Protein backbone atom coordinates (compact mmCIF):
# COMPACT_ATOMS: atom_id res chain seq x y z
CA MET A 1 157.45 217.63 8.73
CA LYS A 2 156.42 219.88 5.88
CA LEU A 3 153.89 218.25 3.20
CA GLN A 4 152.24 220.33 0.22
CA ILE A 5 148.79 219.50 0.24
CA ASN A 6 146.07 221.21 -2.05
CA GLN A 7 148.41 224.29 -2.77
CA GLN A 8 149.08 224.69 0.70
CA THR A 9 152.18 223.71 3.38
CA TYR A 10 151.13 222.18 6.21
CA ASP A 11 153.71 221.29 9.24
CA VAL A 12 152.65 218.28 10.73
CA ASP A 13 154.26 216.19 13.80
CA VAL A 14 153.90 212.79 13.25
CA ALA A 15 156.01 209.70 13.04
CA GLU A 16 157.64 209.58 9.79
CA ASP A 17 155.76 205.96 9.09
CA THR A 18 152.50 207.27 9.91
CA PRO A 19 150.23 206.69 6.64
CA LEU A 20 149.78 209.43 5.04
CA LEU A 21 146.06 208.96 4.78
CA TRP A 22 145.82 209.59 8.78
CA VAL A 23 147.69 212.66 8.20
CA ILE A 24 145.20 213.74 5.68
CA ARG A 25 142.44 212.93 7.76
CA ASP A 26 143.00 213.03 11.44
CA ASN A 27 145.42 215.76 11.39
CA LEU A 28 144.32 217.95 8.69
CA GLY A 29 140.76 217.33 8.64
CA LEU A 30 140.72 216.63 5.00
CA THR A 31 137.82 213.54 5.19
CA GLY A 32 136.92 213.18 1.49
CA THR A 33 139.80 210.63 1.22
CA LYS A 34 138.64 206.92 2.61
CA TYR A 35 139.86 204.29 4.51
CA GLY A 36 138.87 201.06 2.70
CA CYS A 37 141.06 198.15 3.02
CA GLY A 38 144.20 199.25 4.57
CA LEU A 39 146.13 197.46 1.91
CA ALA A 40 146.24 199.40 -1.19
CA GLN A 41 143.89 197.19 -2.79
CA CYS A 42 140.69 199.26 -2.94
CA GLY A 43 141.43 202.58 -3.73
CA ALA A 44 139.41 204.45 -1.63
CA CYS A 45 142.70 206.57 -0.27
CA SER A 46 143.53 207.85 -3.50
CA VAL A 47 145.61 210.81 -3.98
CA LEU A 48 147.74 212.40 -6.68
CA VAL A 49 150.98 213.04 -5.37
CA ASP A 50 152.79 214.93 -8.44
CA GLY A 51 150.60 214.06 -10.69
CA GLU A 52 150.57 209.72 -10.03
CA VAL A 53 147.49 208.64 -8.55
CA VAL A 54 148.71 206.95 -5.04
CA ARG A 55 147.13 205.01 -2.39
CA SER A 56 147.83 206.77 0.29
CA CYS A 57 147.08 204.29 3.16
CA VAL A 58 150.34 202.41 2.52
CA MET A 59 152.53 205.40 1.63
CA PRO A 60 154.49 206.69 5.25
CA ALA A 61 154.04 210.49 5.25
CA VAL A 62 158.02 211.09 5.29
CA SER A 63 157.88 209.39 1.81
CA ALA A 64 155.82 212.94 0.78
CA VAL A 65 158.14 215.38 2.04
CA GLY A 66 158.94 217.49 -1.30
CA LYS A 67 156.13 216.46 -3.20
CA GLN A 68 152.55 217.76 -4.53
CA ILE A 69 149.98 215.77 -3.06
CA THR A 70 146.12 216.71 -4.06
CA THR A 71 143.41 215.24 -2.45
CA ILE A 72 139.70 215.31 -3.82
CA GLU A 73 138.86 218.63 -1.61
CA ALA A 74 141.32 220.52 -4.32
CA ILE A 75 140.63 217.97 -7.67
CA GLU A 76 138.15 220.34 -9.12
CA GLN A 77 140.98 223.60 -9.30
CA ASP A 78 142.12 221.19 -12.12
CA ASP A 79 140.42 221.66 -15.29
CA VAL A 80 140.65 217.94 -15.96
CA GLY A 81 139.25 217.07 -12.15
CA LYS A 82 136.82 219.63 -12.82
CA ARG A 83 135.58 217.92 -16.41
CA VAL A 84 136.01 214.09 -14.24
CA VAL A 85 133.69 215.60 -11.45
CA GLN A 86 130.93 216.84 -13.97
CA ALA A 87 131.33 213.55 -15.98
CA TRP A 88 130.64 211.85 -12.60
CA VAL A 89 127.42 214.10 -12.15
CA ASN A 90 126.40 213.64 -15.63
CA HIS A 91 126.11 209.58 -15.65
CA GLN A 92 125.13 209.85 -12.15
CA VAL A 93 128.25 207.29 -10.73
CA PRO A 94 127.90 207.47 -7.21
CA GLN A 95 125.31 205.05 -5.43
CA CYS A 96 126.78 205.05 -1.87
CA GLY A 97 129.49 207.10 -2.94
CA TYR A 98 132.14 205.77 -0.43
CA CYS A 99 134.84 204.75 -3.30
CA GLN A 100 134.26 207.81 -5.66
CA SER A 101 136.68 210.14 -4.55
CA GLY A 102 139.55 207.35 -5.23
CA GLN A 103 137.75 207.06 -8.68
CA VAL A 104 137.81 210.24 -9.17
CA MET A 105 141.43 211.08 -8.68
CA ALA A 106 142.04 207.50 -10.37
CA ALA A 107 140.37 208.57 -13.40
CA THR A 108 141.92 212.34 -13.13
CA ALA A 109 145.62 211.32 -13.26
CA LEU A 110 144.85 208.83 -16.16
CA LEU A 111 142.84 211.70 -18.29
CA LYS A 112 145.99 213.94 -17.38
CA ALA A 113 148.65 211.33 -18.40
CA THR A 114 146.92 209.92 -21.30
CA PRO A 115 143.94 212.39 -22.82
CA ASN A 116 142.26 209.99 -25.00
CA PRO A 117 143.49 206.16 -23.17
CA SER A 118 142.55 203.10 -25.32
CA ARG A 119 140.09 200.66 -23.44
CA ASP A 120 142.74 199.09 -22.51
CA GLU A 121 144.73 201.66 -20.96
CA ILE A 122 141.53 202.81 -19.10
CA THR A 123 140.99 199.12 -17.38
CA ALA A 124 144.87 199.20 -16.57
CA ALA A 125 144.45 202.83 -14.64
CA ILE A 126 140.91 202.24 -13.00
CA SER A 127 141.72 199.68 -10.42
CA ASN A 128 139.39 200.93 -7.60
CA LEU A 129 136.53 198.28 -6.11
CA CYS A 130 133.32 199.90 -5.88
CA ARG A 131 131.00 198.06 -3.96
CA CYS A 132 128.16 198.91 -5.49
CA GLY A 133 129.45 197.96 -8.59
CA THR A 134 129.16 201.13 -10.56
CA TYR A 135 131.49 200.65 -12.84
CA ASN A 136 129.21 200.59 -16.10
CA ALA A 137 128.75 204.64 -14.95
CA ILE A 138 132.31 204.83 -14.74
CA ASP A 139 133.70 203.51 -17.71
CA ALA A 140 130.50 205.60 -19.48
CA ALA A 141 132.00 208.95 -17.16
CA ILE A 142 135.82 208.17 -18.58
CA ASP A 143 134.28 207.36 -22.29
CA GLU A 144 132.81 210.75 -22.58
CA LEU A 145 136.14 212.42 -21.64
CA ALA A 146 138.03 210.55 -23.75
CA LYS A 147 137.06 211.39 -26.83
CA PRO A 148 139.10 213.82 -29.08
CA VAL A 149 137.93 216.77 -29.13
CA GLY A 150 136.70 217.64 -32.29
CA GLY A 151 137.44 214.04 -33.77
CA ASN A 152 135.48 210.77 -34.40
CA ALA A 153 136.17 207.81 -31.46
């Protein structure tokens, strides 16, 4: 099957029900997307599929055929993704960093869909788990990006 990942076409020979996560990591060697729980609960495996955040550990590879997939390796090619990564650096968000690729993917998807999200929209969209508890830093980084340009929050 052919998959469009990070603006490149890959022809992968895997069973249709192989989780997209394993295709990305094992077949393509893009290891920034992490395995966390395998149950779509923690968000460490989050990628963008046609701009929507998806938990790749439960998405069959065949479901991704014909769609544009973006992993953390290419997120800075997107202007919003680049700003999210810079905010993560500015606010020193990562501690161990394991969940951060998924956190960045979720924040990027949110800010692309809703450039000035409310606190409730942020809370609903960023449901990824962080064992180190960097939620305050994550919130601060997103809040910085969610402020209207040239206006008052």
